[in-house]
Amino acid sequence: MPRSFSSLLFLLALSAGLSGCGTVNEKLSSGMGDYVPQWAGGLPSDAPPRAGTPQYDAYMKERERKRLLPAADREKEEQAQKGATGSTSAGAVR
């Protein structure tokens, strides 16, 4: 009888410990994906910020501003941004 009681107590403690891991992992996993590098399966560098952050609000305002621009102005702005990023990345490669 004492052996079955100790086995039951051990299983009870093990199940309680494992159930606690589920809630901790749920809270950690929501933010840990931001810190995983892209080569390891993380978010790409051009991914938008998470909703509910100040960066997301600024991103949505900029996106709306670009949407309201006429198509010709939008194309000029995109070409200017590509030219600016292309020159900096070429310098970093050398």
PDB file of N, CA and C in Angstrom:
ATOM      1  N   MET A   1       0.810  -1.199   0.000  1.00  0.00           N
ATOM      2  CA  MET A   1       0.000   0.000   0.000  1.00  0.00           C
ATOM      3  C   MET A   1       0.854   1.264   0.000  1.00  0.00           C
ATOM      4  N   PRO A   2       1.913   1.375   0.786  1.00  0.00           N
ATOM      5  CA  PRO A   2       2.732   2.595   0.778  1.00  0.00           C
ATOM      6  C   PRO A   2       3.398   2.837  -0.580  1.00  0.00           C
ATOM      7  N   ARG A   3       3.740   1.756  -1.307  1.00  0.00           N
ATOM      8  CA  ARG A   3       4.379   1.926  -2.612  1.00  0.00           C
ATOM      9  C   ARG A   3       3.392   2.510  -3.623  1.00  0.00           C
ATOM     10  N   SER A   4       2.161   2.052  -3.633  1.00  0.00           N
ATOM     11  CA  SER A   4       1.179   2.577  -4.575  1.00  0.00           C
ATOM     12  C   SER A   4       0.830   4.031  -4.237  1.00  0.00           C
ATOM     13  N   PHE A   5       0.830   4.343  -2.936  1.00  0.00           N
ATOM     14  CA  PHE A   5       0.566   5.723  -2.539  1.00  0.00           C
ATOM     15  C   PHE A   5       1.703   6.640  -2.993  1.00  0.00           C
ATOM     16  N   SER A   6       2.935   6.193  -2.841  1.00  0.00           N
ATOM     17  CA  SER A   6       4.069   7.020  -3.263  1.00  0.00           C
ATOM     18  C   SER A   6       4.100   7.148  -4.793  1.00  0.00           C
ATOM     19  N   SER A   7       3.718   6.103  -5.526  1.00  0.00           N
ATOM     20  CA  SER A   7       3.648   6.169  -6.987  1.00  0.00           C
ATOM     21  C   SER A   7       2.566   7.151  -7.418  1.00  0.00           C
ATOM     22  N   LEU A   8       1.411   7.102  -6.753  1.00  0.00           N
ATOM     23  CA  LEU A   8       0.323   8.027  -7.060  1.00  0.00           C
ATOM     24  C   LEU A   8       0.736   9.465  -6.754  1.00  0.00           C
ATOM     25  N   LEU A   9       1.410   9.666  -5.651  1.00  0.00           N
ATOM     26  CA  LEU A   9       1.874  10.992  -5.283  1.00  0.00           C
ATOM     27  C   LEU A   9       2.902  11.513  -6.296  1.00  0.00           C
ATOM     28  N   PHE A  10       3.790  10.639  -6.753  1.00  0.00           N
ATOM     29  CA  PHE A  10       4.781  11.014  -7.755  1.00  0.00           C
ATOM     30  C   PHE A  10       4.106  11.409  -9.073  1.00  0.00           C
ATOM     31  N   LEU A  11       3.135  10.627  -9.516  1.00  0.00           N
ATOM     32  CA  LEU A  11       2.429  10.945 -10.763  1.00  0.00           C
ATOM     33  C   LEU A  11       1.633  12.243 -10.635  1.00  0.00           C
ATOM     34  N   LEU A  12       1.058  12.470  -9.492  1.00  0.00           N
ATOM     35  CA  LEU A  12       0.327  13.704  -9.257  1.00  0.00           C
ATOM     36  C   LEU A  12       1.268  14.908  -9.321  1.00  0.00           C
ATOM     37  N   ALA A  13       2.420  14.812  -8.691  1.00  0.00           N
ATOM     38  CA  ALA A  13       3.401  15.906  -8.716  1.00  0.00           C
ATOM     39  C   ALA A  13       3.938  16.128 -10.125  1.00  0.00           C
ATOM     40  N   LEU A  14       4.173  15.058 -10.861  1.00  0.00           N
ATOM     41  CA  LEU A  14       4.662  15.168 -12.231  1.00  0.00           C
ATOM     42  C   LEU A  14       3.635  15.841 -13.132  1.00  0.00           C
ATOM     43  N   SER A  15       2.380  15.453 -13.012  1.00  0.00           N
ATOM     44  CA  SER A  15       1.342  16.061 -13.855  1.00  0.00           C
ATOM     45  C   SER A  15       1.137  17.538 -13.495  1.00  0.00           C
ATOM     46  N   ALA A  16       1.227  17.879 -12.231  1.00  0.00           N
ATOM     47  CA  ALA A  16       1.085  19.281 -11.831  1.00  0.00           C
ATOM     48  C   ALA A  16       2.249  20.109 -12.372  1.00  0.00           C
ATOM     49  N   GLY A  17       3.435  19.546 -12.338  1.00  0.00           N
ATOM     50  CA  GLY A  17       4.604  20.257 -12.871  1.00  0.00           C
ATOM     51  C   GLY A  17       4.515  20.454 -14.369  1.00  0.00           C
ATOM     52  N   LEU A  18       4.067  19.449 -15.095  1.00  0.00           N
ATOM     53  CA  LEU A  18       3.955  19.569 -16.544  1.00  0.00           C
ATOM     54  C   LEU A  18       2.838  20.510 -16.961  1.00  0.00           C
ATOM     55  N   SER A  19       1.771  20.565 -16.206  1.00  0.00           N
ATOM     56  CA  SER A  19       0.689  21.481 -16.559  1.00  0.00           C
ATOM     57  C   SER A  19       1.122  22.936 -16.375  1.00  0.00           C
ATOM     58  N   GLY A  20       2.013  23.203 -15.440  1.00  0.00           N
ATOM     59  CA  GLY A  20       2.535  24.549 -15.255  1.00  0.00           C
ATOM     60  C   GLY A  20       3.408  24.989 -16.410  1.00  0.00           C
ATOM     61  N   CYS A  21       4.083  24.055 -17.079  1.00  0.00           N
ATOM     62  CA  CYS A  21       4.936  24.402 -18.212  1.00  0.00           C
ATOM     63  C   CYS A  21       4.117  24.934 -19.379  1.00  0.00           C
ATOM     64  N   GLY A  22       2.907  24.465 -19.554  1.00  0.00           N
ATOM     65  CA  GLY A  22       2.080  24.903 -20.671  1.00  0.00           C
ATOM     66  C   GLY A  22       1.763  26.384 -20.619  1.00  0.00           C
ATOM     67  N   THR A  23       1.486  26.909 -19.449  1.00  0.00           N
ATOM     68  CA  THR A  23       1.152  28.329 -19.352  1.00  0.00           C
ATOM     69  C   THR A  23       2.390  29.195 -19.495  1.00  0.00           C
ATOM     70  N   VAL A  24       3.523  28.744 -18.987  1.00  0.00           N
ATOM     71  CA  VAL A  24       4.757  29.508 -19.127  1.00  0.00           C
ATOM     72  C   VAL A  24       5.157  29.555 -20.592  1.00  0.00           C
ATOM     73  N   ASN A  25       5.107  28.425 -21.280  1.00  0.00           N
ATOM     74  CA  ASN A  25       5.496  28.380 -22.682  1.00  0.00           C
ATOM     75  C   ASN A  25       4.576  29.229 -23.545  1.00  0.00           C
ATOM     76  N   GLU A  26       3.303  29.290 -23.210  1.00  0.00           N
ATOM     77  CA  GLU A  26       2.361  30.098 -23.981  1.00  0.00           C
ATOM     78  C   GLU A  26       2.755  31.570 -23.917  1.00  0.00           C
ATOM     79  N   LYS A  27       3.142  32.028 -22.742  1.00  0.00           N
ATOM     80  CA  LYS A  27       3.507  33.432 -22.583  1.00  0.00           C
ATOM     81  C   LYS A  27       4.862  33.735 -23.208  1.00  0.00           C
ATOM     82  N   LEU A  28       5.794  32.817 -23.126  1.00  0.00           N
ATOM     83  CA  LEU A  28       7.113  33.035 -23.709  1.00  0.00           C
ATOM     84  C   LEU A  28       7.086  32.966 -25.229  1.00  0.00           C
ATOM     85  N   SER A  29       6.323  32.052 -25.769  1.00  0.00           N
ATOM     86  CA  SER A  29       6.346  31.841 -27.215  1.00  0.00           C
ATOM     87  C   SER A  29       5.766  33.015 -27.981  1.00  0.00           C
ATOM     88  N   SER A  30       4.903  33.813 -27.369  1.00  0.00           N
ATOM     89  CA  SER A  30       4.309  34.944 -28.080  1.00  0.00           C
ATOM     90  C   SER A  30       5.359  35.991 -28.440  1.00  0.00           C
ATOM     91  N   GLY A  31       6.399  36.142 -27.652  1.00  0.00           N
ATOM     92  CA  GLY A  31       7.422  37.139 -27.924  1.00  0.00           C
ATOM     93  C   GLY A  31       8.752  36.580 -28.379  1.00  0.00           C
ATOM     94  N   MET A  32       8.998  35.304 -28.161  1.00  0.00           N
ATOM     95  CA  MET A  32      10.295  34.734 -28.506  1.00  0.00           C
ATOM     96  C   MET A  32      10.520  34.657 -30.012  1.00  0.00           C
ATOM     97  N   GLY A  33       9.466  34.588 -30.795  1.00  0.00           N
ATOM     98  CA  GLY A  33       9.617  34.517 -32.247  1.00  0.00           C
ATOM     99  C   GLY A  33      10.275  35.753 -32.820  1.00  0.00           C
ATOM    100  N   ASP A  34      10.202  36.868 -32.111  1.00  0.00           N
ATOM    101  CA  ASP A  34      10.830  38.101 -32.584  1.00  0.00           C
ATOM    102  C   ASP A  34      12.353  38.029 -32.490  1.00  0.00           C
ATOM    103  N   TYR A  35      12.877  37.159 -31.644  1.00  0.00           N
ATOM    104  CA  TYR A  35      14.309  37.108 -31.408  1.00  0.00           C
ATOM    105  C   TYR A  35      15.006  35.975 -32.156  1.00  0.00           C
ATOM    106  N   VAL A  36      14.246  35.145 -32.869  1.00  0.00           N
ATOM    107  CA  VAL A  36      14.835  34.058 -33.640  1.00  0.00           C
ATOM    108  C   VAL A  36      15.352  34.640 -34.948  1.00  0.00           C
ATOM    109  N   PRO A  37      16.618  34.371 -35.320  1.00  0.00           N
ATOM    110  CA  PRO A  37      17.134  34.920 -36.576  1.00  0.00           C
ATOM    111  C   PRO A  37      16.393  34.359 -37.788  1.00  0.00           C
ATOM    112  N   GLN A  38      16.426  35.112 -38.879  1.00  0.00           N
ATOM    113  CA  GLN A  38      15.708  34.699 -40.084  1.00  0.00           C
ATOM    114  C   GLN A  38      16.231  33.376 -40.608  1.00  0.00           C
ATOM    115  N   TRP A  39      17.539  33.145 -40.540  1.00  0.00           N
ATOM    116  CA  TRP A  39      18.106  31.901 -41.065  1.00  0.00           C
ATOM    117  C   TRP A  39      17.643  30.680 -40.264  1.00  0.00           C
ATOM    118  N   ALA A  40      17.172  30.908 -39.044  1.00  0.00           N
ATOM    119  CA  ALA A  40      16.694  29.808 -38.210  1.00  0.00           C
ATOM    120  C   ALA A  40      15.179  29.683 -38.237  1.00  0.00           C
ATOM    121  N   GLY A  41      14.525  30.388 -39.166  1.00  0.00           N
ATOM    122  CA  GLY A  41      13.081  30.281 -39.280  1.00  0.00           C
ATOM    123  C   GLY A  41      12.320  31.417 -38.628  1.00  0.00           C
ATOM    124  N   GLY A  42      13.001  32.490 -38.257  1.00  0.00           N
ATOM    125  CA  GLY A  42      12.346  33.633 -37.631  1.00  0.00           C
ATOM    126  C   GLY A  42      11.661  34.516 -38.652  1.00  0.00           C
ATOM    127  N   LEU A  43      11.180  35.647 -38.189  1.00  0.00           N
ATOM    128  CA  LEU A  43      10.480  36.593 -39.057  1.00  0.00           C
ATOM    129  C   LEU A  43      11.442  37.198 -40.069  1.00  0.00           C
ATOM    130  N   PRO A  44      10.980  37.438 -41.296  1.00  0.00           N
ATOM    131  CA  PRO A  44      11.835  38.115 -42.273  1.00  0.00           C
ATOM    132  C   PRO A  44      12.070  39.568 -41.869  1.00  0.00           C
ATOM    133  N   SER A  45      13.109  40.164 -42.423  1.00  0.00           N
ATOM    134  CA  SER A  45      13.471  41.522 -42.029  1.00  0.00           C
ATOM    135  C   SER A  45      12.420  42.550 -42.435  1.00  0.00           C
ATOM    136  N   ASP A  46      11.608  42.257 -43.456  1.00  0.00           N
ATOM    137  CA  ASP A  46      10.609  43.219 -43.908  1.00  0.00           C
ATOM    138  C   ASP A  46       9.221  42.941 -43.328  1.00  0.00           C
ATOM    139  N   ALA A  47       9.136  42.134 -42.299  1.00  0.00           N
ATOM    140  CA  ALA A  47       7.844  41.835 -41.674  1.00  0.00           C
ATOM    141  C   ALA A  47       7.347  43.067 -40.907  1.00  0.00           C
ATOM    142  N   PRO A  48       6.054  43.346 -40.968  1.00  0.00           N
ATOM    143  CA  PRO A  48       5.538  44.503 -40.223  1.00  0.00           C
ATOM    144  C   PRO A  48       5.598  44.250 -38.715  1.00  0.00           C
ATOM    145  N   PRO A  49       5.613  45.324 -37.922  1.00  0.00           N
ATOM    146  CA  PRO A  49       5.633  45.169 -36.462  1.00  0.00           C
ATOM    147  C   PRO A  49       4.351  44.521 -35.952  1.00  0.00           C
ATOM    148  N   ARG A  50       4.413  44.027 -34.742  1.00  0.00           N
ATOM    149  CA  ARG A  50       3.235  43.390 -34.135  1.00  0.00           C
ATOM    150  C   ARG A  50       2.158  44.424 -33.837  1.00  0.00           C
ATOM    151  N   ALA A  51       0.912  44.004 -33.999  1.00  0.00           N
ATOM    152  CA  ALA A  51      -0.231  44.878 -33.726  1.00  0.00           C
ATOM    153  C   ALA A  51      -0.263  45.251 -32.245  1.00  0.00           C
ATOM    154  N   GLY A  52      -0.669  46.484 -31.971  1.00  0.00           N
ATOM    155  CA  GLY A  52      -0.779  46.945 -30.593  1.00  0.00           C
ATOM    156  C   GLY A  52       0.456  47.651 -30.083  1.00  0.00           C
ATOM    157  N   THR A  53       1.508  47.742 -30.891  1.00  0.00           N
ATOM    158  CA  THR A  53       2.719  48.446 -30.471  1.00  0.00           C
ATOM    159  C   THR A  53       2.750  49.823 -31.119  1.00  0.00           C
ATOM    160  N   PRO A  54       3.508  50.760 -30.559  1.00  0.00           N
ATOM    161  CA  PRO A  54       3.620  52.089 -31.181  1.00  0.00           C
ATOM    162  C   PRO A  54       4.219  52.016 -32.594  1.00  0.00           C
ATOM    163  N   GLN A  55       5.139  51.062 -32.814  1.00  0.00           N
ATOM    164  CA  GLN A  55       5.734  50.900 -34.145  1.00  0.00           C
ATOM    165  C   GLN A  55       4.682  50.481 -35.163  1.00  0.00           C
ATOM    166  N   TYR A  56       3.735  49.672 -34.724  1.00  0.00           N
ATOM    167  CA  TYR A  56       2.664  49.237 -35.628  1.00  0.00           C
ATOM    168  C   TYR A  56       1.779  50.417 -36.025  1.00  0.00           C
ATOM    169  N   ASP A  57       1.472  51.277 -35.067  1.00  0.00           N
ATOM    170  CA  ASP A  57       0.653  52.450 -35.366  1.00  0.00           C
ATOM    171  C   ASP A  57       1.351  53.358 -36.376  1.00  0.00           C
ATOM    172  N   ALA A  58       2.659  53.565 -36.194  1.00  0.00           N
ATOM    173  CA  ALA A  58       3.418  54.389 -37.142  1.00  0.00           C
ATOM    174  C   ALA A  58       3.478  53.721 -38.512  1.00  0.00           C
ATOM    175  N   TYR A  59       3.628  52.400 -38.518  1.00  0.00           N
ATOM    176  CA  TYR A  59       3.667  51.652 -39.777  1.00  0.00           C
ATOM    177  C   TYR A  59       2.342  51.792 -40.528  1.00  0.00           C
ATOM    178  N   MET A  60       1.229  51.692 -39.822  1.00  0.00           N
ATOM    179  CA  MET A  60      -0.085  51.807 -40.468  1.00  0.00           C
ATOM    180  C   MET A  60      -0.337  53.229 -40.977  1.00  0.00           C
ATOM    181  N   LYS A  61       0.134  54.244 -40.245  1.00  0.00           N
ATOM    182  CA  LYS A  61      -0.015  55.620 -40.714  1.00  0.00           C
ATOM    183  C   LYS A  61       0.777  55.845 -41.995  1.00  0.00           C
ATOM    184  N   GLU A  62       2.003  55.331 -42.027  1.00  0.00           N
ATOM    185  CA  GLU A  62       2.842  55.463 -43.225  1.00  0.00           C
ATOM    186  C   GLU A  62       2.229  54.704 -44.394  1.00  0.00           C
ATOM    187  N   ARG A  63       1.689  53.552 -44.125  1.00  0.00           N
ATOM    188  CA  ARG A  63       1.046  52.761 -45.177  1.00  0.00           C
ATOM    189  C   ARG A  63      -0.178  53.494 -45.743  1.00  0.00           C
ATOM    190  N   GLU A  64      -0.946  54.110 -44.875  1.00  0.00           N
ATOM    191  CA  GLU A  64      -2.120  54.866 -45.326  1.00  0.00           C
ATOM    192  C   GLU A  64      -1.698  56.096 -46.120  1.00  0.00           C
ATOM    193  N   ARG A  65      -0.615  56.754 -45.676  1.00  0.00           N
ATOM    194  CA  ARG A  65      -0.106  57.913 -46.407  1.00  0.00           C
ATOM    195  C   ARG A  65       0.309  57.519 -47.825  1.00  0.00           C
ATOM    196  N   LYS A  66       1.007  56.395 -47.938  1.00  0.00           N
ATOM    197  CA  LYS A  66       1.432  55.933 -49.262  1.00  0.00           C
ATOM    198  C   LYS A  66       0.235  55.540 -50.120  1.00  0.00           C
ATOM    199  N   ARG A  67      -0.794  54.983 -49.498  1.00  0.00           N
ATOM    200  CA  ARG A  67      -1.979  54.573 -50.249  1.00  0.00           C
ATOM    201  C   ARG A  67      -2.698  55.772 -50.850  1.00  0.00           C
ATOM    202  N   LEU A  68      -2.672  56.900 -50.139  1.00  0.00           N
ATOM    203  CA  LEU A  68      -3.370  58.089 -50.603  1.00  0.00           C
ATOM    204  C   LEU A  68      -2.585  58.883 -51.648  1.00  0.00           C
ATOM    205  N   LEU A  69      -1.293  58.567 -51.827  1.00  0.00           N
ATOM    206  CA  LEU A  69      -0.487  59.260 -52.830  1.00  0.00           C
ATOM    207  C   LEU A  69      -0.926  58.859 -54.235  1.00  0.00           C
ATOM    208  N   PRO A  70      -0.820  59.772 -55.201  1.00  0.00           N
ATOM    209  CA  PRO A  70      -1.059  59.375 -56.591  1.00  0.00           C
ATOM    210  C   PRO A  70      -0.023  58.345 -57.033  1.00  0.00           C
ATOM    211  N   ALA A  71      -0.367  57.526 -58.003  1.00  0.00           N
ATOM    212  CA  ALA A  71       0.494  56.423 -58.424  1.00  0.00           C
ATOM    213  C   ALA A  71       1.854  56.914 -58.905  1.00  0.00           C
ATOM    214  N   ALA A  72       1.899  58.009 -59.624  1.00  0.00           N
ATOM    215  CA  ALA A  72       3.175  58.521 -60.138  1.00  0.00           C
ATOM    216  C   ALA A  72       4.099  58.932 -58.989  1.00  0.00           C
ATOM    217  N   ASP A  73       3.556  59.623 -57.997  1.00  0.00           N
ATOM    218  CA  ASP A  73       4.370  60.030 -56.848  1.00  0.00           C
ATOM    219  C   ASP A  73       4.825  58.822 -56.045  1.00  0.00           C
ATOM    220  N   ARG A  74       3.968  57.823 -55.932  1.00  0.00           N
ATOM    221  CA  ARG A  74       4.295  56.607 -55.192  1.00  0.00           C
ATOM    222  C   ARG A  74       5.471  55.885 -55.851  1.00  0.00           C
ATOM    223  N   GLU A  75       5.449  55.792 -57.186  1.00  0.00           N
ATOM    224  CA  GLU A  75       6.535  55.119 -57.911  1.00  0.00           C
ATOM    225  C   GLU A  75       7.847  55.868 -57.740  1.00  0.00           C
ATOM    226  N   LYS A  76       7.803  57.207 -57.808  1.00  0.00           N
ATOM    227  CA  LYS A  76       9.018  58.003 -57.618  1.00  0.00           C
ATOM    228  C   LYS A  76       9.596  57.788 -56.225  1.00  0.00           C
ATOM    229  N   GLU A  77       8.725  57.744 -55.229  1.00  0.00           N
ATOM    230  CA  GLU A  77       9.187  57.548 -53.853  1.00  0.00           C
ATOM    231  C   GLU A  77       9.804  56.167 -53.663  1.00  0.00           C
ATOM    232  N   GLU A  78       9.189  55.142 -54.250  1.00  0.00           N
ATOM    233  CA  GLU A  78       9.728  53.785 -54.141  1.00  0.00           C
ATOM    234  C   GLU A  78      11.076  53.680 -54.818  1.00  0.00           C
ATOM    235  N   GLN A  79      11.238  54.328 -55.982  1.00  0.00           N
ATOM    236  CA  GLN A  79      12.518  54.295 -56.679  1.00  0.00           C
ATOM    237  C   GLN A  79      13.587  55.025 -55.880  1.00  0.00           C
ATOM    238  N   ALA A  80      13.215  56.125 -55.242  1.00  0.00           N
ATOM    239  CA  ALA A  80      14.172  56.865 -54.416  1.00  0.00           C
ATOM    240  C   ALA A  80      14.608  56.024 -53.217  1.00  0.00           C
ATOM    241  N   GLN A  81      13.677  55.298 -52.617  1.00  0.00           N
ATOM    242  CA  GLN A  81      14.026  54.438 -51.475  1.00  0.00           C
ATOM    243  C   GLN A  81      14.904  53.279 -51.907  1.00  0.00           C
ATOM    244  N   LYS A  82      14.616  52.699 -53.066  1.00  0.00           N
ATOM    245  CA  LYS A  82      15.443  51.590 -53.572  1.00  0.00           C
ATOM    246  C   LYS A  82      16.841  52.072 -53.901  1.00  0.00           C
ATOM    247  N   GLY A  83      16.944  53.264 -54.463  1.00  0.00           N
ATOM    248  CA  GLY A  83      18.252  53.829 -54.776  1.00  0.00           C
ATOM    249  C   GLY A  83      19.063  54.104 -53.526  1.00  0.00           C
ATOM    250  N   ALA A  84      18.401  54.577 -52.487  1.00  0.00           N
ATOM    251  CA  ALA A  84      19.094  54.881 -51.232  1.00  0.00           C
ATOM    252  C   ALA A  84      19.547  53.614 -50.532  1.00  0.00           C
ATOM    253  N   THR A  85      18.725  52.581 -50.514  1.00  0.00           N
ATOM    254  CA  THR A  85      19.113  51.334 -49.859  1.00  0.00           C
ATOM    255  C   THR A  85      20.105  50.559 -50.693  1.00  0.00           C
ATOM    256  N   GLY A  86      20.030  50.674 -52.008  1.00  0.00           N
ATOM    257  CA  GLY A  86      20.963  49.966 -52.886  1.00  0.00           C
ATOM    258  C   GLY A  86      22.373  50.483 -52.733  1.00  0.00           C
ATOM    259  N   SER A  87      22.543  51.802 -52.565  1.00  0.00           N
ATOM    260  CA  SER A  87      23.879  52.363 -52.440  1.00  0.00           C
ATOM    261  C   SER A  87      24.498  52.010 -51.092  1.00  0.00           C
ATOM    262  N   THR A  88      23.697  51.917 -50.026  1.00  0.00           N
ATOM    263  CA  THR A  88      24.246  51.566 -48.720  1.00  0.00           C
ATOM    264  C   THR A  88      24.585  50.096 -48.646  1.00  0.00           C
ATOM    265  N   SER A  89      23.777  49.249 -49.264  1.00  0.00           N
ATOM    266  CA  SER A  89      24.084  47.828 -49.202  1.00  0.00           C
ATOM    267  C   SER A  89      25.261  47.484 -50.069  1.00  0.00           C
ATOM    268  N   ALA A  90      25.471  48.190 -51.188  1.00  0.00           N
ATOM    269  CA  ALA A  90      26.629  47.930 -52.033  1.00  0.00           C
ATOM    270  C   ALA A  90      27.895  48.313 -51.308  1.00  0.00           C
ATOM    271  N   GLY A  91      27.858  49.383 -50.528  1.00  0.00           N
ATOM    272  CA  GLY A  91      29.027  49.800 -49.776  1.00  0.00           C
ATOM    273  C   GLY A  91      29.354  48.838 -48.653  1.00  0.00           C
ATOM    274  N   ALA A  92      28.349  48.192 -48.093  1.00  0.00           N
ATOM    275  CA  ALA A  92      28.589  47.258 -47.002  1.00  0.00           C
ATOM    276  C   ALA A  92      29.183  45.958 -47.500  1.00  0.00           C
ATOM    277  N   VAL A  93      28.922  45.604 -48.749  1.00  0.00           N
ATOM    278  CA  VAL A  93      29.443  44.359 -49.299  1.00  0.00           C
ATOM    279  C   VAL A  93      30.934  44.461 -49.552  1.00  0.00           C
ATOM    280  N   ARG A  94      31.393  45.623 -49.976  1.00  0.00           N
ATOM    281  CA  ARG A  94      32.807  45.800 -50.318  1.00  0.00           C
ATOM    282  C   ARG A  94      33.625  45.799 -49.109  1.00  0.00           C
TER     283      ARG A  94
END
